[in-house]
Amino acid sequence: MTGPAPSAAGRIAPIRLIRWIRWYLREISGAADYDRHCLRHLREHPDRPVPTRRAYEAWRTRRREEHPQTRCC
């Protein structure tokens, strides 16, 4: 005998959890920052090519070093 088929709500909850985990990991890893940068670049500079991920990371590192923020540690 098999059990009852899972309801639609039972299938949706794990999908939402997976989506949330994916979103969270992209936010803490910085992958979402690059995506937002690309969208803004396309909006503000449609005639220029989008920088590669490597170029973006180099620019971001330079900017952080040139404009340090107050940090606790």
PDB file of N, CA and C in Angstrom:
ATOM      1  N   MET A   1       0.830  -1.188   0.000  1.00  0.00           N
ATOM      2  CA  MET A   1       0.000   0.000   0.000  1.00  0.00           C
ATOM      3  C   MET A   1       0.869   1.244   0.000  1.00  0.00           C
ATOM      4  N   THR A   2       0.427   2.184  -0.739  1.00  0.00           N
ATOM      5  CA  THR A   2       1.140   3.453  -0.761  1.00  0.00           C
ATOM      6  C   THR A   2       0.351   4.468   0.038  1.00  0.00           C
ATOM      7  N   GLY A   3       1.060   5.477   0.519  1.00  0.00           N
ATOM      8  CA  GLY A   3       0.419   6.532   1.289  1.00  0.00           C
ATOM      9  C   GLY A   3      -0.260   7.515   0.364  1.00  0.00           C
ATOM     10  N   PRO A   4      -0.939   8.469   0.948  1.00  0.00           N
ATOM     11  CA  PRO A   4      -1.609   9.472   0.123  1.00  0.00           C
ATOM     12  C   PRO A   4      -0.580  10.328  -0.620  1.00  0.00           C
ATOM     13  N   ALA A   5      -0.991  10.795  -1.772  1.00  0.00           N
ATOM     14  CA  ALA A   5      -0.112  11.649  -2.573  1.00  0.00           C
ATOM     15  C   ALA A   5       0.095  12.974  -1.834  1.00  0.00           C
ATOM     16  N   PRO A   6       1.300  13.528  -1.913  1.00  0.00           N
ATOM     17  CA  PRO A   6       1.522  14.799  -1.225  1.00  0.00           C
ATOM     18  C   PRO A   6       0.671  15.908  -1.828  1.00  0.00           C
ATOM     19  N   SER A   7       0.188  16.760  -0.978  1.00  0.00           N
ATOM     20  CA  SER A   7      -0.652  17.858  -1.452  1.00  0.00           C
ATOM     21  C   SER A   7       0.222  18.903  -2.145  1.00  0.00           C
ATOM     22  N   ALA A   8      -0.434  19.819  -2.833  1.00  0.00           N
ATOM     23  CA  ALA A   8       0.304  20.875  -3.531  1.00  0.00           C
ATOM     24  C   ALA A   8       1.078  21.718  -2.529  1.00  0.00           C
ATOM     25  N   ALA A   9       0.491  21.982  -1.372  1.00  0.00           N
ATOM     26  CA  ALA A   9       1.186  22.774  -0.348  1.00  0.00           C
ATOM     27  C   ALA A   9       2.418  22.036   0.159  1.00  0.00           C
ATOM     28  N   GLY A  10       2.343  20.731   0.245  1.00  0.00           N
ATOM     29  CA  GLY A  10       3.485  19.944   0.699  1.00  0.00           C
ATOM     30  C   GLY A  10       4.629  19.964  -0.299  1.00  0.00           C
ATOM     31  N   ARG A  11       4.320  20.118  -1.576  1.00  0.00           N
ATOM     32  CA  ARG A  11       5.371  20.188  -2.594  1.00  0.00           C
ATOM     33  C   ARG A  11       5.941  21.597  -2.717  1.00  0.00           C
ATOM     34  N   ILE A  12       5.137  22.612  -2.459  1.00  0.00           N
ATOM     35  CA  ILE A  12       5.576  23.994  -2.616  1.00  0.00           C
ATOM     36  C   ILE A  12       6.558  24.395  -1.517  1.00  0.00           C
ATOM     37  N   ALA A  13       6.328  23.952  -0.297  1.00  0.00           N
ATOM     38  CA  ALA A  13       7.180  24.355   0.823  1.00  0.00           C
ATOM     39  C   ALA A  13       8.649  24.013   0.586  1.00  0.00           C
ATOM     40  N   PRO A  14       9.008  22.796   0.151  1.00  0.00           N
ATOM     41  CA  PRO A  14      10.429  22.522  -0.100  1.00  0.00           C
ATOM     42  C   PRO A  14      11.003  23.377  -1.232  1.00  0.00           C
ATOM     43  N   ILE A  15      10.199  23.692  -2.232  1.00  0.00           N
ATOM     44  CA  ILE A  15      10.666  24.530  -3.339  1.00  0.00           C
ATOM     45  C   ILE A  15      10.967  25.932  -2.820  1.00  0.00           C
ATOM     46  N   ARG A  16      10.104  26.456  -1.958  1.00  0.00           N
ATOM     47  CA  ARG A  16      10.359  27.780  -1.375  1.00  0.00           C
ATOM     48  C   ARG A  16      11.620  27.764  -0.519  1.00  0.00           C
ATOM     49  N   LEU A  17      11.810  26.709   0.218  1.00  0.00           N
ATOM     50  CA  LEU A  17      13.003  26.594   1.055  1.00  0.00           C
ATOM     51  C   LEU A  17      14.263  26.569   0.186  1.00  0.00           C
ATOM     52  N   ILE A  18      14.229  25.817  -0.884  1.00  0.00           N
ATOM     53  CA  ILE A  18      15.381  25.746  -1.788  1.00  0.00           C
ATOM     54  C   ILE A  18      15.648  27.107  -2.418  1.00  0.00           C
ATOM     55  N   ARG A  19      14.586  27.786  -2.838  1.00  0.00           N
ATOM     56  CA  ARG A  19      14.753  29.125  -3.422  1.00  0.00           C
ATOM     57  C   ARG A  19      15.332  30.092  -2.399  1.00  0.00           C
ATOM     58  N   TRP A  20      14.864  30.029  -1.147  1.00  0.00           N
ATOM     59  CA  TRP A  20      15.373  30.914  -0.113  1.00  0.00           C
ATOM     60  C   TRP A  20      16.847  30.636   0.157  1.00  0.00           C
ATOM     61  N   ILE A  21      17.216  29.367   0.238  1.00  0.00           N
ATOM     62  CA  ILE A  21      18.614  28.996   0.472  1.00  0.00           C
ATOM     63  C   ILE A  21      19.483  29.508  -0.665  1.00  0.00           C
ATOM     64  N   ARG A  22      19.027  29.326  -1.906  1.00  0.00           N
ATOM     65  CA  ARG A  22      19.782  29.817  -3.063  1.00  0.00           C
ATOM     66  C   ARG A  22      19.945  31.325  -2.993  1.00  0.00           C
ATOM     67  N   TRP A  23      18.863  32.062  -2.689  1.00  0.00           N
ATOM     68  CA  TRP A  23      18.935  33.512  -2.566  1.00  0.00           C
ATOM     69  C   TRP A  23      19.931  33.909  -1.478  1.00  0.00           C
ATOM     70  N   TYR A  24      19.842  33.264  -0.329  1.00  0.00           N
ATOM     71  CA  TYR A  24      20.708  33.599   0.792  1.00  0.00           C
ATOM     72  C   TYR A  24      22.180  33.381   0.436  1.00  0.00           C
ATOM     73  N   LEU A  25      22.500  32.257  -0.164  1.00  0.00           N
ATOM     74  CA  LEU A  25      23.882  31.968  -0.532  1.00  0.00           C
ATOM     75  C   LEU A  25      24.406  32.954  -1.573  1.00  0.00           C
ATOM     76  N   ARG A  26      23.561  33.345  -2.526  1.00  0.00           N
ATOM     77  CA  ARG A  26      23.993  34.320  -3.531  1.00  0.00           C
ATOM     78  C   ARG A  26      24.239  35.687  -2.894  1.00  0.00           C
ATOM     79  N   GLU A  27      23.440  36.057  -1.894  1.00  0.00           N
ATOM     80  CA  GLU A  27      23.622  37.340  -1.218  1.00  0.00           C
ATOM     81  C   GLU A  27      24.921  37.365  -0.412  1.00  0.00           C
ATOM     82  N   ILE A  28      25.201  36.308   0.334  1.00  0.00           N
ATOM     83  CA  ILE A  28      26.405  36.337   1.166  1.00  0.00           C
ATOM     84  C   ILE A  28      27.674  36.091   0.364  1.00  0.00           C
ATOM     85  N   SER A  29      27.558  35.452  -0.796  1.00  0.00           N
ATOM     86  CA  SER A  29      28.743  35.191  -1.607  1.00  0.00           C
ATOM     87  C   SER A  29      29.100  36.360  -2.526  1.00  0.00           C
ATOM     88  N   GLY A  30      28.167  37.262  -2.758  1.00  0.00           N
ATOM     89  CA  GLY A  30      28.427  38.402  -3.635  1.00  0.00           C
ATOM     90  C   GLY A  30      27.977  38.185  -5.070  1.00  0.00           C
ATOM     91  N   ALA A  31      27.457  37.023  -5.390  1.00  0.00           N
ATOM     92  CA  ALA A  31      27.001  36.760  -6.757  1.00  0.00           C
ATOM     93  C   ALA A  31      25.849  37.685  -7.137  1.00  0.00           C
ATOM     94  N   ALA A  32      24.996  38.001  -6.199  1.00  0.00           N
ATOM     95  CA  ALA A  32      23.868  38.891  -6.477  1.00  0.00           C
ATOM     96  C   ALA A  32      24.350  40.314  -6.743  1.00  0.00           C
ATOM     97  N   ASP A  33      25.452  40.719  -6.100  1.00  0.00           N
ATOM     98  CA  ASP A  33      26.005  42.057  -6.342  1.00  0.00           C
ATOM     99  C   ASP A  33      26.403  42.229  -7.797  1.00  0.00           C
ATOM    100  N   TYR A  34      27.045  41.215  -8.359  1.00  0.00           N
ATOM    101  CA  TYR A  34      27.458  41.291  -9.762  1.00  0.00           C
ATOM    102  C   TYR A  34      26.240  41.380 -10.678  1.00  0.00           C
ATOM    103  N   ASP A  35      25.217  40.597 -10.393  1.00  0.00           N
ATOM    104  CA  ASP A  35      23.999  40.653 -11.207  1.00  0.00           C
ATOM    105  C   ASP A  35      23.360  42.036 -11.156  1.00  0.00           C
ATOM    106  N   ARG A  36      23.282  42.624  -9.956  1.00  0.00           N
ATOM    107  CA  ARG A  36      22.721  43.970  -9.833  1.00  0.00           C
ATOM    108  C   ARG A  36      23.584  44.989 -10.574  1.00  0.00           C
ATOM    109  N   HIS A  37      24.906  44.808 -10.495  1.00  0.00           N
ATOM    110  CA  HIS A  37      25.816  45.717 -11.202  1.00  0.00           C
ATOM    111  C   HIS A  37      25.578  45.625 -12.716  1.00  0.00           C
ATOM    112  N   CYS A  38      25.429  44.416 -13.227  1.00  0.00           N
ATOM    113  CA  CYS A  38      25.195  44.235 -14.668  1.00  0.00           C
ATOM    114  C   CYS A  38      23.889  44.897 -15.099  1.00  0.00           C
ATOM    115  N   LEU A  39      22.840  44.731 -14.313  1.00  0.00           N
ATOM    116  CA  LEU A  39      21.561  45.352 -14.665  1.00  0.00           C
ATOM    117  C   LEU A  39      21.666  46.869 -14.663  1.00  0.00           C
ATOM    118  N   ARG A  40      22.321  47.422 -13.646  1.00  0.00           N
ATOM    119  CA  ARG A  40      22.489  48.871 -13.591  1.00  0.00           C
ATOM    120  C   ARG A  40      23.357  49.362 -14.741  1.00  0.00           C
ATOM    121  N   HIS A  41      24.398  48.611 -15.058  1.00  0.00           N
ATOM    122  CA  HIS A  41      25.286  48.990 -16.166  1.00  0.00           C
ATOM    123  C   HIS A  41      24.516  49.019 -17.491  1.00  0.00           C
ATOM    124  N   LEU A  42      23.704  48.004 -17.720  1.00  0.00           N
ATOM    125  CA  LEU A  42      22.903  47.964 -18.949  1.00  0.00           C
ATOM    126  C   LEU A  42      21.909  49.122 -19.010  1.00  0.00           C
ATOM    127  N   ARG A  43      21.360  49.491 -17.868  1.00  0.00           N
ATOM    128  CA  ARG A  43      20.390  50.580 -17.818  1.00  0.00           C
ATOM    129  C   ARG A  43      21.062  51.930 -18.052  1.00  0.00           C
ATOM    130  N   GLU A  44      22.243  52.140 -17.443  1.00  0.00           N
ATOM    131  CA  GLU A  44      22.902  53.439 -17.522  1.00  0.00           C
ATOM    132  C   GLU A  44      23.856  53.581 -18.703  1.00  0.00           C
ATOM    133  N   HIS A  45      24.395  52.473 -19.192  1.00  0.00           N
ATOM    134  CA  HIS A  45      25.358  52.497 -20.297  1.00  0.00           C
ATOM    135  C   HIS A  45      24.999  51.436 -21.337  1.00  0.00           C
ATOM    136  N   PRO A  46      23.874  51.575 -22.014  1.00  0.00           N
ATOM    137  CA  PRO A  46      23.454  50.531 -22.951  1.00  0.00           C
ATOM    138  C   PRO A  46      24.402  50.351 -24.139  1.00  0.00           C
ATOM    139  N   ASP A  47      25.215  51.368 -24.424  1.00  0.00           N
ATOM    140  CA  ASP A  47      26.108  51.285 -25.574  1.00  0.00           C
ATOM    141  C   ASP A  47      27.446  50.628 -25.244  1.00  0.00           C
ATOM    142  N   ARG A  48      27.746  50.421 -23.971  1.00  0.00           N
ATOM    143  CA  ARG A  48      29.020  49.815 -23.573  1.00  0.00           C
ATOM    144  C   ARG A  48      28.833  48.342 -23.222  1.00  0.00           C
ATOM    145  N   PRO A  49      29.867  47.528 -23.448  1.00  0.00           N
ATOM    146  CA  PRO A  49      29.741  46.108 -23.075  1.00  0.00           C
ATOM    147  C   PRO A  49      29.744  45.939 -21.553  1.00  0.00           C
ATOM    148  N   VAL A  50      29.067  44.923 -21.094  1.00  0.00           N
ATOM    149  CA  VAL A  50      29.009  44.622 -19.665  1.00  0.00           C
ATOM    150  C   VAL A  50      30.366  44.061 -19.237  1.00  0.00           C
ATOM    151  N   PRO A  51      30.919  44.551 -18.119  1.00  0.00           N
ATOM    152  CA  PRO A  51      32.215  44.036 -17.684  1.00  0.00           C
ATOM    153  C   PRO A  51      32.115  42.573 -17.257  1.00  0.00           C
ATOM    154  N   THR A  52      33.208  41.878 -17.403  1.00  0.00           N
ATOM    155  CA  THR A  52      33.234  40.480 -16.976  1.00  0.00           C
ATOM    156  C   THR A  52      33.208  40.430 -15.456  1.00  0.00           C
ATOM    157  N   ARG A  53      32.947  39.257 -14.948  1.00  0.00           N
ATOM    158  CA  ARG A  53      32.928  39.079 -13.491  1.00  0.00           C
ATOM    159  C   ARG A  53      34.304  39.413 -12.907  1.00  0.00           C
ATOM    160  N   ARG A  54      35.352  38.998 -13.579  1.00  0.00           N
ATOM    161  CA  ARG A  54      36.710  39.268 -13.104  1.00  0.00           C
ATOM    162  C   ARG A  54      36.992  40.770 -13.062  1.00  0.00           C
ATOM    163  N   ALA A  55      36.582  41.488 -14.104  1.00  0.00           N
ATOM    164  CA  ALA A  55      36.783  42.937 -14.136  1.00  0.00           C
ATOM    165  C   ALA A  55      35.975  43.616 -13.032  1.00  0.00           C
ATOM    166  N   TYR A  56      34.758  43.133 -12.801  1.00  0.00           N
ATOM    167  CA  TYR A  56      33.930  43.691 -11.738  1.00  0.00           C
ATOM    168  C   TYR A  56      34.577  43.471 -10.374  1.00  0.00           C
ATOM    169  N   GLU A  57      35.078  42.272 -10.129  1.00  0.00           N
ATOM    170  CA  GLU A  57      35.712  41.982  -8.839  1.00  0.00           C
ATOM    171  C   GLU A  57      36.959  42.834  -8.637  1.00  0.00           C
ATOM    172  N   ALA A  58      37.748  43.045  -9.693  1.00  0.00           N
ATOM    173  CA  ALA A  58      38.938  43.893  -9.588  1.00  0.00           C
ATOM    174  C   ALA A  58      38.527  45.329  -9.270  1.00  0.00           C
ATOM    175  N   TRP A  59      37.498  45.841  -9.943  1.00  0.00           N
ATOM    176  CA  TRP A  59      37.012  47.188  -9.681  1.00  0.00           C
ATOM    177  C   TRP A  59      36.500  47.318  -8.249  1.00  0.00           C
ATOM    178  N   ARG A  60      35.746  46.318  -7.802  1.00  0.00           N
ATOM    179  CA  ARG A  60      35.188  46.347  -6.446  1.00  0.00           C
ATOM    180  C   ARG A  60      36.289  46.330  -5.386  1.00  0.00           C
ATOM    181  N   THR A  61      37.326  45.529  -5.615  1.00  0.00           N
ATOM    182  CA  THR A  61      38.444  45.468  -4.676  1.00  0.00           C
ATOM    183  C   THR A  61      39.184  46.805  -4.626  1.00  0.00           C
ATOM    184  N   ARG A  62      39.450  47.389  -5.803  1.00  0.00           N
ATOM    185  CA  ARG A  62      40.106  48.701  -5.848  1.00  0.00           C
ATOM    186  C   ARG A  62      39.279  49.753  -5.116  1.00  0.00           C
ATOM    187  N   ARG A  63      37.995  49.745  -5.366  1.00  0.00           N
ATOM    188  CA  ARG A  63      37.112  50.729  -4.723  1.00  0.00           C
ATOM    189  C   ARG A  63      37.124  50.568  -3.211  1.00  0.00           C
ATOM    190  N   ARG A  64      37.092  49.342  -2.727  1.00  0.00           N
ATOM    191  CA  ARG A  64      37.121  49.126  -1.272  1.00  0.00           C
ATOM    192  C   ARG A  64      38.424  49.614  -0.662  1.00  0.00           C
ATOM    193  N   GLU A  65      39.524  49.433  -1.369  1.00  0.00           N
ATOM    194  CA  GLU A  65      40.817  49.883  -0.850  1.00  0.00           C
ATOM    195  C   GLU A  65      40.952  51.402  -0.896  1.00  0.00           C
ATOM    196  N   GLU A  66      40.406  52.032  -1.928  1.00  0.00           N
ATOM    197  CA  GLU A  66      40.493  53.481  -2.065  1.00  0.00           C
ATOM    198  C   GLU A  66      39.501  54.226  -1.172  1.00  0.00           C
ATOM    199  N   HIS A  67      38.387  53.597  -0.846  1.00  0.00           N
ATOM    200  CA  HIS A  67      37.346  54.223  -0.038  1.00  0.00           C
ATOM    201  C   HIS A  67      37.021  53.323   1.154  1.00  0.00           C
ATOM    202  N   PRO A  68      37.919  53.231   2.115  1.00  0.00           N
ATOM    203  CA  PRO A  68      37.656  52.346   3.259  1.00  0.00           C
ATOM    204  C   PRO A  68      36.501  52.872   4.114  1.00  0.00           C
ATOM    205  N   GLN A  69      35.751  51.956   4.661  1.00  0.00           N
ATOM    206  CA  GLN A  69      34.653  52.305   5.559  1.00  0.00           C
ATOM    207  C   GLN A  69      35.109  52.020   6.985  1.00  0.00           C
ATOM    208  N   THR A  70      34.447  52.628   7.910  1.00  0.00           N
ATOM    209  CA  THR A  70      34.748  52.353   9.307  1.00  0.00           C
ATOM    210  C   THR A  70      34.322  50.923   9.618  1.00  0.00           C
ATOM    211  N   ARG A  71      35.232  50.193  10.194  1.00  0.00           N
ATOM    212  CA  ARG A  71      34.934  48.800  10.541  1.00  0.00           C
ATOM    213  C   ARG A  71      35.246  48.576  12.008  1.00  0.00           C
ATOM    214  N   CYS A  72      34.583  47.641  12.583  1.00  0.00           N
ATOM    215  CA  CYS A  72      34.818  47.369  13.990  1.00  0.00           C
ATOM    216  C   CYS A  72      36.089  46.536  14.209  1.00  0.00           C
ATOM    217  N   CYS A  73      36.519  45.804  13.204  1.00  0.00           N
ATOM    218  CA  CYS A  73      37.670  44.905  13.388  1.00  0.00           C
ATOM    219  C   CYS A  73      38.744  45.185  12.345  1.00  0.00           C
TER     220      CYS A  73
END
